[in-house]
Amino acid sequence: MAASERTVLQFASSSSSTANITAKVHPLVIFNICDCYVRRPDQAERVIGTLLGSVLPDGTVDIRNSYVVPHNEFSDQVALDIEYHHTMLKSHLKVNPQEVIVGWFSTGLGVTGGSALIHEFYSREVSNPVHLTVDTGFQNGEGTIKAYVSVNLSLADRPLAAQFQEIPLDLRMIEAERVGFDILKTTSVDKLPSDLEGMEVLMERLVTLINDVYKYVDDVVEGRVAPDNNIGRFISEAVDSLPKLSPPAFDKLINDNLQDQLLMLYLSSITRTQLSLAEKLNTAAQML
């Protein structure tokens, strides 16, 4: 009799679909979130906002855009500016109707007490939203970026609470975006690198990667490392993608490109000088 009346604490039926959910975030979203955090009001400890994107055919949530939503937080309450949220959403849909709400973001480490209330609001906007957290403190030069989905906990047929479960997150960047992200992780920067300094960083990283490939190939040839067909295929594709140029032709290509860049700098300098002279002449004419 007692055994038949026991209750079981279990996940709701929707949790079975969360196991296959993954998320992919574009670097522009991270840059935008960090910029919003820097511009936040003085009394605000964090910023929250809406994530826009789409769901790919394989179930991956592709996060491509975001915007901040003003809010106020108290001890156990969160007040969102819902009207501002809907206005911004309408504006984004006019520009790119393919992007829809896929979740929301907040700055800080992990999930906080008010996250459940905010997640409940976005659950009414979209089914199974993704919660993205960005650590804008960049402690130890590292930025912790995580994605969560909410899973309902129920006691028998009665819902009790929501539990946030972390899901795999893919953050892919091209080299130019990687340089910007590395600078962003630095808490203090004297100045932004110039184009030449950025090129130098990229060349050093490229040389390091080439040396790693050379070392791997030598280890495989000498029998110190077991060969991997997938790695070999990637190396072959990378080599085949390179243009077949002789050293003189390559030097000419680099020099021509450098001359074009210097010419653009010269023309821009002349343009700035002409504008400055025109402004001074206009000011002198008005004084006479």
C-alpha atoms as a PDB file:
ATOM      1  CA  MET A   1       0.000   0.000   0.000  1.00  0.00           C
ATOM      2  CA  ALA A   2       2.780   2.430   0.923  1.00  0.00           C
ATOM      3  CA  ALA A   3       4.806   1.452  -2.102  1.00  0.00           C
ATOM      4  CA  SER A   4       1.946   2.185  -4.491  1.00  0.00           C
ATOM      5  CA  GLU A   5       1.490   5.716  -3.110  1.00  0.00           C
ATOM      6  CA  ARG A   6       5.099   6.899  -3.444  1.00  0.00           C
ATOM      7  CA  THR A   7       5.893   9.831  -5.711  1.00  0.00           C
ATOM      8  CA  VAL A   8       8.875  10.128  -8.045  1.00  0.00           C
ATOM      9  CA  LEU A   9      10.872  13.293  -8.805  1.00  0.00           C
ATOM     10  CA  GLN A  10      11.560  13.274 -12.541  1.00  0.00           C
ATOM     11  CA  PHE A  11      12.338  15.478 -15.530  1.00  0.00           C
ATOM     12  CA  ALA A  12       9.449  16.666 -17.635  1.00  0.00           C
ATOM     13  CA  SER A  13       8.873  15.060 -21.014  1.00  0.00           C
ATOM     14  CA  SER A  14      10.492  18.006 -22.842  1.00  0.00           C
ATOM     15  CA  SER A  15      13.919  17.194 -21.375  1.00  0.00           C
ATOM     16  CA  SER A  16      14.428  14.309 -23.756  1.00  0.00           C
ATOM     17  CA  SER A  17      14.767  16.738 -26.645  1.00  0.00           C
ATOM     18  CA  THR A  18      17.430  18.864 -24.939  1.00  0.00           C
ATOM     19  CA  ALA A  19      20.094  16.193 -25.187  1.00  0.00           C
ATOM     20  CA  ASN A  20      20.554  16.869 -28.917  1.00  0.00           C
ATOM     21  CA  ILE A  21      20.514  20.675 -28.715  1.00  0.00           C
ATOM     22  CA  THR A  22      23.725  22.517 -29.592  1.00  0.00           C
ATOM     23  CA  ALA A  23      24.380  26.196 -30.149  1.00  0.00           C
ATOM     24  CA  LYS A  24      26.675  28.163 -32.430  1.00  0.00           C
ATOM     25  CA  VAL A  25      27.403  31.816 -31.704  1.00  0.00           C
ATOM     26  CA  HIS A  26      29.003  34.325 -34.073  1.00  0.00           C
ATOM     27  CA  PRO A  27      31.784  36.609 -32.769  1.00  0.00           C
ATOM     28  CA  LEU A  28      29.697  39.703 -33.583  1.00  0.00           C
ATOM     29  CA  VAL A  29      27.285  38.689 -30.819  1.00  0.00           C
ATOM     30  CA  ILE A  30      30.092  38.492 -28.232  1.00  0.00           C
ATOM     31  CA  PHE A  31      31.507  41.859 -29.314  1.00  0.00           C
ATOM     32  CA  ASN A  32      28.068  43.454 -29.118  1.00  0.00           C
ATOM     33  CA  ILE A  33      27.411  42.044 -25.635  1.00  0.00           C
ATOM     34  CA  CYS A  34      30.753  43.337 -24.344  1.00  0.00           C
ATOM     35  CA  ASP A  35      30.079  46.749 -25.889  1.00  0.00           C
ATOM     36  CA  CYS A  36      26.657  46.891 -24.206  1.00  0.00           C
ATOM     37  CA  TYR A  37      28.274  45.964 -20.889  1.00  0.00           C
ATOM     38  CA  VAL A  38      30.770  48.817 -21.180  1.00  0.00           C
ATOM     39  CA  ARG A  39      27.930  51.278 -21.962  1.00  0.00           C
ATOM     40  CA  ARG A  40      25.631  50.021 -19.190  1.00  0.00           C
ATOM     41  CA  PRO A  41      24.187  52.444 -16.599  1.00  0.00           C
ATOM     42  CA  ASP A  42      26.367  53.057 -13.562  1.00  0.00           C
ATOM     43  CA  GLN A  43      23.978  51.317 -11.156  1.00  0.00           C
ATOM     44  CA  ALA A  44      23.590  48.196 -13.316  1.00  0.00           C
ATOM     45  CA  GLU A  45      25.685  45.173 -12.369  1.00  0.00           C
ATOM     46  CA  ARG A  46      24.970  43.270 -15.569  1.00  0.00           C
ATOM     47  CA  VAL A  47      23.188  43.610 -18.904  1.00  0.00           C
ATOM     48  CA  ILE A  48      20.672  41.257 -20.440  1.00  0.00           C
ATOM     49  CA  GLY A  49      19.167  41.128 -23.884  1.00  0.00           C
ATOM     50  CA  THR A  50      17.650  39.131 -26.712  1.00  0.00           C
ATOM     51  CA  LEU A  51      19.425  36.680 -28.999  1.00  0.00           C
ATOM     52  CA  LEU A  52      18.414  36.486 -32.650  1.00  0.00           C
ATOM     53  CA  GLY A  53      19.186  33.812 -35.203  1.00  0.00           C
ATOM     54  CA  SER A  54      17.694  30.630 -36.559  1.00  0.00           C
ATOM     55  CA  VAL A  55      17.503  26.916 -35.936  1.00  0.00           C
ATOM     56  CA  LEU A  56      19.433  24.885 -38.511  1.00  0.00           C
ATOM     57  CA  PRO A  57      18.023  21.658 -39.993  1.00  0.00           C
ATOM     58  CA  ASP A  58      20.270  19.571 -37.730  1.00  0.00           C
ATOM     59  CA  GLY A  59      18.818  21.252 -34.635  1.00  0.00           C
ATOM     60  CA  THR A  60      21.746  23.592 -33.991  1.00  0.00           C
ATOM     61  CA  VAL A  61      20.716  27.014 -32.696  1.00  0.00           C
ATOM     62  CA  ASP A  62      22.605  29.543 -34.839  1.00  0.00           C
ATOM     63  CA  ILE A  63      22.991  32.809 -32.859  1.00  0.00           C
ATOM     64  CA  ARG A  64      23.844  35.647 -35.249  1.00  0.00           C
ATOM     65  CA  ASN A  65      22.609  38.880 -33.656  1.00  0.00           C
ATOM     66  CA  SER A  66      21.590  40.438 -30.346  1.00  0.00           C
ATOM     67  CA  TYR A  67      20.337  43.588 -28.695  1.00  0.00           C
ATOM     68  CA  VAL A  68      20.221  44.718 -25.092  1.00  0.00           C
ATOM     69  CA  VAL A  69      16.937  45.082 -23.170  1.00  0.00           C
ATOM     70  CA  PRO A  70      16.771  47.609 -20.288  1.00  0.00           C
ATOM     71  CA  HIS A  71      15.894  46.040 -16.961  1.00  0.00           C
ATOM     72  CA  ASN A  72      15.867  46.589 -13.212  1.00  0.00           C
ATOM     73  CA  GLU A  73      16.768  43.918 -10.691  1.00  0.00           C
ATOM     74  CA  PHE A  74      15.756  43.728  -7.049  1.00  0.00           C
ATOM     75  CA  SER A  75      16.304  41.072  -4.415  1.00  0.00           C
ATOM     76  CA  ASP A  76      13.900  38.545  -5.911  1.00  0.00           C
ATOM     77  CA  GLN A  77      12.325  40.411  -8.835  1.00  0.00           C
ATOM     78  CA  VAL A  78      13.338  41.403 -12.345  1.00  0.00           C
ATOM     79  CA  ALA A  79      11.560  44.119 -14.339  1.00  0.00           C
ATOM     80  CA  LEU A  80      12.063  44.033 -18.119  1.00  0.00           C
ATOM     81  CA  ASP A  81      11.190  46.828 -20.542  1.00  0.00           C
ATOM     82  CA  ILE A  82       8.928  44.622 -22.658  1.00  0.00           C
ATOM     83  CA  GLU A  83       7.778  47.467 -24.882  1.00  0.00           C
ATOM     84  CA  TYR A  84      11.381  48.297 -25.793  1.00  0.00           C
ATOM     85  CA  HIS A  85      12.032  44.615 -26.471  1.00  0.00           C
ATOM     86  CA  HIS A  86       9.101  44.360 -28.907  1.00  0.00           C
ATOM     87  CA  THR A  87      10.059  47.635 -30.627  1.00  0.00           C
ATOM     88  CA  MET A  88      13.621  46.452 -31.215  1.00  0.00           C
ATOM     89  CA  LEU A  89      12.376  43.096 -32.442  1.00  0.00           C
ATOM     90  CA  LYS A  90      10.113  44.740 -35.018  1.00  0.00           C
ATOM     91  CA  SER A  91      13.009  46.898 -36.223  1.00  0.00           C
ATOM     92  CA  HIS A  92      15.283  43.873 -36.640  1.00  0.00           C
ATOM     93  CA  LEU A  93      12.605  41.898 -38.470  1.00  0.00           C
ATOM     94  CA  LYS A  94      12.233  44.719 -40.993  1.00  0.00           C
ATOM     95  CA  VAL A  95      15.935  44.490 -41.818  1.00  0.00           C
ATOM     96  CA  ASN A  96      16.317  40.700 -41.646  1.00  0.00           C
ATOM     97  CA  PRO A  97      13.052  38.766 -41.378  1.00  0.00           C
ATOM     98  CA  GLN A  98      14.948  35.443 -41.355  1.00  0.00           C
ATOM     99  CA  GLU A  99      16.303  36.133 -37.873  1.00  0.00           C
ATOM    100  CA  VAL A 100      13.925  35.227 -35.058  1.00  0.00           C
ATOM    101  CA  ILE A 101      14.223  35.068 -31.273  1.00  0.00           C
ATOM    102  CA  VAL A 102      16.285  32.065 -30.202  1.00  0.00           C
ATOM    103  CA  GLY A 103      17.001  33.002 -26.581  1.00  0.00           C
ATOM    104  CA  TRP A 104      18.537  35.638 -24.346  1.00  0.00           C
ATOM    105  CA  PHE A 105      21.900  36.583 -22.895  1.00  0.00           C
ATOM    106  CA  SER A 106      23.311  37.957 -19.673  1.00  0.00           C
ATOM    107  CA  THR A 107      26.741  39.004 -18.534  1.00  0.00           C
ATOM    108  CA  GLY A 108      28.431  37.348 -15.592  1.00  0.00           C
ATOM    109  CA  LEU A 109      29.495  33.898 -14.527  1.00  0.00           C
ATOM    110  CA  GLY A 110      26.822  31.226 -14.811  1.00  0.00           C
ATOM    111  CA  VAL A 111      23.156  31.354 -13.900  1.00  0.00           C
ATOM    112  CA  THR A 112      21.865  33.671 -11.170  1.00  0.00           C
ATOM    113  CA  GLY A 113      18.703  33.675  -9.073  1.00  0.00           C
ATOM    114  CA  GLY A 114      16.775  35.990 -11.384  1.00  0.00           C
ATOM    115  CA  SER A 115      17.626  33.984 -14.495  1.00  0.00           C
ATOM    116  CA  ALA A 116      14.623  31.692 -14.032  1.00  0.00           C
ATOM    117  CA  LEU A 117      12.221  34.658 -14.129  1.00  0.00           C
ATOM    118  CA  ILE A 118      13.781  36.071 -17.295  1.00  0.00           C
ATOM    119  CA  HIS A 119      13.881  32.642 -18.906  1.00  0.00           C
ATOM    120  CA  GLU A 120      10.195  32.183 -18.176  1.00  0.00           C
ATOM    121  CA  PHE A 121       9.430  35.382 -20.097  1.00  0.00           C
ATOM    122  CA  TYR A 122      11.458  34.282 -23.131  1.00  0.00           C
ATOM    123  CA  SER A 123       9.812  30.862 -22.978  1.00  0.00           C
ATOM    124  CA  ARG A 124       6.589  32.660 -23.890  1.00  0.00           C
ATOM    125  CA  GLU A 125       8.357  34.332 -26.817  1.00  0.00           C
ATOM    126  CA  VAL A 126       9.921  31.176 -28.276  1.00  0.00           C
ATOM    127  CA  SER A 127       9.874  27.478 -27.545  1.00  0.00           C
ATOM    128  CA  ASN A 128      12.891  26.218 -25.578  1.00  0.00           C
ATOM    129  CA  PRO A 129      15.042  29.390 -25.627  1.00  0.00           C
ATOM    130  CA  VAL A 130      18.825  29.298 -25.200  1.00  0.00           C
ATOM    131  CA  HIS A 131      20.410  31.220 -22.334  1.00  0.00           C
ATOM    132  CA  LEU A 132      23.892  32.558 -23.179  1.00  0.00           C
ATOM    133  CA  THR A 133      26.202  33.796 -20.405  1.00  0.00           C
ATOM    134  CA  VAL A 134      29.303  35.887 -21.127  1.00  0.00           C
ATOM    135  CA  ASP A 135      31.929  36.587 -18.485  1.00  0.00           C
ATOM    136  CA  THR A 136      32.919  40.177 -19.272  1.00  0.00           C
ATOM    137  CA  GLY A 137      35.461  40.201 -16.440  1.00  0.00           C
ATOM    138  CA  PHE A 138      37.873  38.043 -18.511  1.00  0.00           C
ATOM    139  CA  GLN A 139      39.573  36.755 -15.398  1.00  0.00           C
ATOM    140  CA  ASN A 140      43.092  35.437 -16.041  1.00  0.00           C
ATOM    141  CA  GLY A 141      42.782  36.607 -19.633  1.00  0.00           C
ATOM    142  CA  GLU A 142      40.051  34.099 -20.448  1.00  0.00           C
ATOM    143  CA  GLY A 143      36.429  34.736 -21.332  1.00  0.00           C
ATOM    144  CA  THR A 144      33.953  32.121 -20.126  1.00  0.00           C
ATOM    145  CA  ILE A 145      31.067  31.794 -22.578  1.00  0.00           C
ATOM    146  CA  LYS A 146      28.419  29.141 -21.913  1.00  0.00           C
ATOM    147  CA  ALA A 147      24.978  28.233 -23.217  1.00  0.00           C
ATOM    148  CA  TYR A 148      22.107  26.695 -21.252  1.00  0.00           C
ATOM    149  CA  VAL A 149      18.608  25.394 -21.792  1.00  0.00           C
ATOM    150  CA  SER A 150      15.941  25.029 -19.156  1.00  0.00           C
ATOM    151  CA  VAL A 151      14.524  21.657 -18.137  1.00  0.00           C
ATOM    152  CA  ASN A 152      11.416  21.451 -15.983  1.00  0.00           C
ATOM    153  CA  LEU A 153      11.463  19.315 -12.843  1.00  0.00           C
ATOM    154  CA  SER A 154       8.177  17.774 -11.802  1.00  0.00           C
ATOM    155  CA  LEU A 155       6.873  15.826  -8.843  1.00  0.00           C
ATOM    156  CA  ALA A 156       4.468  13.309 -10.322  1.00  0.00           C
ATOM    157  CA  ASP A 157       2.354  15.525 -12.615  1.00  0.00           C
ATOM    158  CA  ARG A 158       2.990  18.752 -10.742  1.00  0.00           C
ATOM    159  CA  PRO A 159       5.844  21.024 -11.967  1.00  0.00           C
ATOM    160  CA  LEU A 160       8.239  22.068  -9.226  1.00  0.00           C
ATOM    161  CA  ALA A 161      11.116  24.084 -10.664  1.00  0.00           C
ATOM    162  CA  ALA A 162      13.314  24.655 -13.689  1.00  0.00           C
ATOM    163  CA  GLN A 163      16.879  23.455 -13.964  1.00  0.00           C
ATOM    164  CA  PHE A 164      19.448  24.970 -16.333  1.00  0.00           C
ATOM    165  CA  GLN A 165      21.516  22.437 -18.225  1.00  0.00           C
ATOM    166  CA  GLU A 166      24.640  23.419 -20.150  1.00  0.00           C
ATOM    167  CA  ILE A 167      24.703  22.527 -23.850  1.00  0.00           C
ATOM    168  CA  PRO A 168      27.641  22.365 -26.293  1.00  0.00           C
ATOM    169  CA  LEU A 169      28.580  25.789 -27.672  1.00  0.00           C
ATOM    170  CA  ASP A 170      30.590  26.389 -30.832  1.00  0.00           C
ATOM    171  CA  LEU A 171      32.449  29.704 -31.145  1.00  0.00           C
ATOM    172  CA  ARG A 172      34.306  29.884 -34.457  1.00  0.00           C
ATOM    173  CA  MET A 173      36.308  32.888 -35.612  1.00  0.00           C
ATOM    174  CA  ILE A 174      38.386  33.842 -38.598  1.00  0.00           C
ATOM    175  CA  GLU A 175      41.874  35.150 -37.895  1.00  0.00           C
ATOM    176  CA  ALA A 176      40.871  38.822 -37.981  1.00  0.00           C
ATOM    177  CA  GLU A 177      38.091  38.152 -35.464  1.00  0.00           C
ATOM    178  CA  ARG A 178      40.459  36.105 -33.319  1.00  0.00           C
ATOM    179  CA  VAL A 179      42.882  39.040 -33.076  1.00  0.00           C
ATOM    180  CA  GLY A 180      40.057  41.323 -31.965  1.00  0.00           C
ATOM    181  CA  PHE A 181      38.844  38.781 -29.408  1.00  0.00           C
ATOM    182  CA  ASP A 182      42.348  38.379 -27.976  1.00  0.00           C
ATOM    183  CA  ILE A 183      42.564  42.153 -27.534  1.00  0.00           C
ATOM    184  CA  LEU A 184      39.114  42.149 -25.950  1.00  0.00           C
ATOM    185  CA  LYS A 185      40.245  39.603 -23.359  1.00  0.00           C
ATOM    186  CA  THR A 186      43.059  41.923 -22.285  1.00  0.00           C
ATOM    187  CA  THR A 187      41.822  44.039 -19.395  1.00  0.00           C
ATOM    188  CA  SER A 188      44.044  47.018 -20.274  1.00  0.00           C
ATOM    189  CA  VAL A 189      45.358  47.958 -23.719  1.00  0.00           C
ATOM    190  CA  ASP A 190      47.540  50.981 -24.460  1.00  0.00           C
ATOM    191  CA  LYS A 191      46.335  51.216 -28.035  1.00  0.00           C
ATOM    192  CA  LEU A 192      44.749  49.145 -30.738  1.00  0.00           C
ATOM    193  CA  PRO A 193      47.243  47.453 -33.046  1.00  0.00           C
ATOM    194  CA  SER A 194      47.796  48.958 -36.459  1.00  0.00           C
ATOM    195  CA  ASP A 195      47.262  47.005 -39.662  1.00  0.00           C
ATOM    196  CA  LEU A 196      50.964  46.219 -39.815  1.00  0.00           C
ATOM    197  CA  GLU A 197      51.056  45.014 -36.187  1.00  0.00           C
ATOM    198  CA  GLY A 198      47.950  42.903 -36.768  1.00  0.00           C
ATOM    199  CA  MET A 199      49.578  41.395 -39.845  1.00  0.00           C
ATOM    200  CA  GLU A 200      52.691  40.628 -37.811  1.00  0.00           C
ATOM    201  CA  VAL A 201      50.619  38.772 -35.197  1.00  0.00           C
ATOM    202  CA  LEU A 202      48.865  36.768 -37.910  1.00  0.00           C
ATOM    203  CA  MET A 203      52.170  35.876 -39.584  1.00  0.00           C
ATOM    204  CA  GLU A 204      53.645  34.694 -36.280  1.00  0.00           C
ATOM    205  CA  ARG A 205      50.596  32.533 -35.659  1.00  0.00           C
ATOM    206  CA  LEU A 206      50.772  31.168 -39.216  1.00  0.00           C
ATOM    207  CA  VAL A 207      54.455  30.274 -38.794  1.00  0.00           C
ATOM    208  CA  THR A 208      53.617  28.489 -35.535  1.00  0.00           C
ATOM    209  CA  LEU A 209      50.877  26.459 -37.224  1.00  0.00           C
ATOM    210  CA  ILE A 210      53.179  25.566 -40.140  1.00  0.00           C
ATOM    211  CA  ASN A 211      55.864  24.411 -37.697  1.00  0.00           C
ATOM    212  CA  ASP A 212      53.278  22.249 -35.908  1.00  0.00           C
ATOM    213  CA  VAL A 213      52.295  20.658 -39.239  1.00  0.00           C
ATOM    214  CA  TYR A 214      55.958  20.052 -40.118  1.00  0.00           C
ATOM    215  CA  LYS A 215      56.562  18.422 -36.737  1.00  0.00           C
ATOM    216  CA  TYR A 216      53.483  16.196 -37.097  1.00  0.00           C
ATOM    217  CA  VAL A 217      54.489  15.068 -40.607  1.00  0.00           C
ATOM    218  CA  ASP A 218      58.055  14.329 -39.477  1.00  0.00           C
ATOM    219  CA  ASP A 219      56.772  12.341 -36.491  1.00  0.00           C
ATOM    220  CA  VAL A 220      54.502  10.285 -38.763  1.00  0.00           C
ATOM    221  CA  VAL A 221      57.306   9.626 -41.240  1.00  0.00           C
ATOM    222  CA  GLU A 222      59.709   8.613 -38.473  1.00  0.00           C
ATOM    223  CA  GLY A 223      57.068   6.366 -36.887  1.00  0.00           C
ATOM    224  CA  ARG A 224      56.829   8.291 -33.613  1.00  0.00           C
ATOM    225  CA  VAL A 225      53.131   9.083 -34.122  1.00  0.00           C
ATOM    226  CA  ALA A 226      50.431   6.879 -35.614  1.00  0.00           C
ATOM    227  CA  PRO A 227      49.104   8.322 -38.891  1.00  0.00           C
ATOM    228  CA  ASP A 228      45.596   9.803 -38.946  1.00  0.00           C
ATOM    229  CA  ASN A 229      43.798   9.744 -42.282  1.00  0.00           C
ATOM    230  CA  ASN A 230      41.558  12.688 -41.365  1.00  0.00           C
ATOM    231  CA  ILE A 231      44.520  14.908 -40.474  1.00  0.00           C
ATOM    232  CA  GLY A 232      46.305  13.869 -43.649  1.00  0.00           C
ATOM    233  CA  ARG A 233      43.244  14.738 -45.689  1.00  0.00           C
ATOM    234  CA  PHE A 234      43.024  18.170 -44.075  1.00  0.00           C
ATOM    235  CA  ILE A 235      46.714  18.845 -44.771  1.00  0.00           C
ATOM    236  CA  SER A 236      46.298  17.747 -48.385  1.00  0.00           C
ATOM    237  CA  GLU A 237      43.290  20.031 -48.870  1.00  0.00           C
ATOM    238  CA  ALA A 238      45.166  22.954 -47.317  1.00  0.00           C
ATOM    239  CA  VAL A 239      48.172  22.432 -49.605  1.00  0.00           C
ATOM    240  CA  ASP A 240      45.965  22.058 -52.685  1.00  0.00           C
ATOM    241  CA  SER A 241      44.174  25.320 -51.888  1.00  0.00           C
ATOM    242  CA  LEU A 242      47.419  27.300 -52.107  1.00  0.00           C
ATOM    243  CA  PRO A 243      48.051  29.080 -55.426  1.00  0.00           C
ATOM    244  CA  LYS A 244      50.973  27.639 -57.378  1.00  0.00           C
ATOM    245  CA  LEU A 245      53.215  30.688 -57.765  1.00  0.00           C
ATOM    246  CA  SER A 246      56.926  30.938 -58.373  1.00  0.00           C
ATOM    247  CA  PRO A 247      58.919  32.968 -55.833  1.00  0.00           C
ATOM    248  CA  PRO A 248      59.408  35.906 -58.241  1.00  0.00           C
ATOM    249  CA  ALA A 249      55.675  35.976 -59.044  1.00  0.00           C
ATOM    250  CA  PHE A 250      54.825  35.831 -55.345  1.00  0.00           C
ATOM    251  CA  ASP A 251      57.223  38.703 -54.550  1.00  0.00           C
ATOM    252  CA  LYS A 252      55.699  40.770 -57.363  1.00  0.00           C
ATOM    253  CA  LEU A 253      52.197  40.112 -56.053  1.00  0.00           C
ATOM    254  CA  ILE A 254      53.178  41.230 -52.542  1.00  0.00           C
ATOM    255  CA  ASN A 255      54.967  44.335 -53.808  1.00  0.00           C
ATOM    256  CA  ASP A 256      52.050  45.333 -56.040  1.00  0.00           C
ATOM    257  CA  ASN A 257      49.659  44.983 -53.133  1.00  0.00           C
ATOM    258  CA  LEU A 258      51.964  47.011 -50.899  1.00  0.00           C
ATOM    259  CA  GLN A 259      52.206  49.764 -53.508  1.00  0.00           C
ATOM    260  CA  ASP A 260      48.415  49.866 -53.779  1.00  0.00           C
ATOM    261  CA  GLN A 261      48.135  50.240 -50.011  1.00  0.00           C
ATOM    262  CA  LEU A 262      50.716  53.045 -49.955  1.00  0.00           C
ATOM    263  CA  LEU A 263      48.891  54.810 -52.782  1.00  0.00           C
ATOM    264  CA  MET A 264      45.613  54.652 -50.860  1.00  0.00           C
ATOM    265  CA  LEU A 265      47.332  56.105 -47.786  1.00  0.00           C
ATOM    266  CA  TYR A 266      48.813  58.904 -49.899  1.00  0.00           C
ATOM    267  CA  LEU A 267      45.444  59.748 -51.473  1.00  0.00           C
ATOM    268  CA  SER A 268      43.688  59.734 -48.101  1.00  0.00           C
ATOM    269  CA  SER A 269      46.378  62.050 -46.698  1.00  0.00           C
ATOM    270  CA  ILE A 270      45.871  64.465 -49.605  1.00  0.00           C
ATOM    271  CA  THR A 271      42.115  64.370 -49.066  1.00  0.00           C
ATOM    272  CA  ARG A 272      42.473  65.192 -45.368  1.00  0.00           C
ATOM    273  CA  THR A 273      44.828  68.082 -46.219  1.00  0.00           C
ATOM    274  CA  GLN A 274      42.373  69.496 -48.771  1.00  0.00           C
ATOM    275  CA  LEU A 275      39.494  69.287 -46.302  1.00  0.00           C
ATOM    276  CA  SER A 276      41.564  71.000 -43.616  1.00  0.00           C
ATOM    277  CA  LEU A 277      42.558  73.837 -46.011  1.00  0.00           C
ATOM    278  CA  ALA A 278      38.965  74.244 -47.204  1.00  0.00           C
ATOM    279  CA  GLU A 279      37.750  74.485 -43.616  1.00  0.00           C
ATOM    280  CA  LYS A 280      40.355  77.111 -42.735  1.00  0.00           C
ATOM    281  CA  LEU A 281      39.612  79.142 -45.883  1.00  0.00           C
ATOM    282  CA  ASN A 282      35.894  78.991 -45.159  1.00  0.00           C
ATOM    283  CA  THR A 283      36.483  80.162 -41.591  1.00  0.00           C
ATOM    284  CA  ALA A 284      38.695  83.033 -42.802  1.00  0.00           C
ATOM    285  CA  ALA A 285      36.090  84.082 -45.384  1.00  0.00           C
ATOM    286  CA  GLN A 286      33.379  84.203 -42.739  1.00  0.00           C
ATOM    287  CA  MET A 287      35.534  86.398 -40.486  1.00  0.00           C
ATOM    288  CA  LEU A 288      36.157  88.938 -43.294  1.00  0.00           C
END
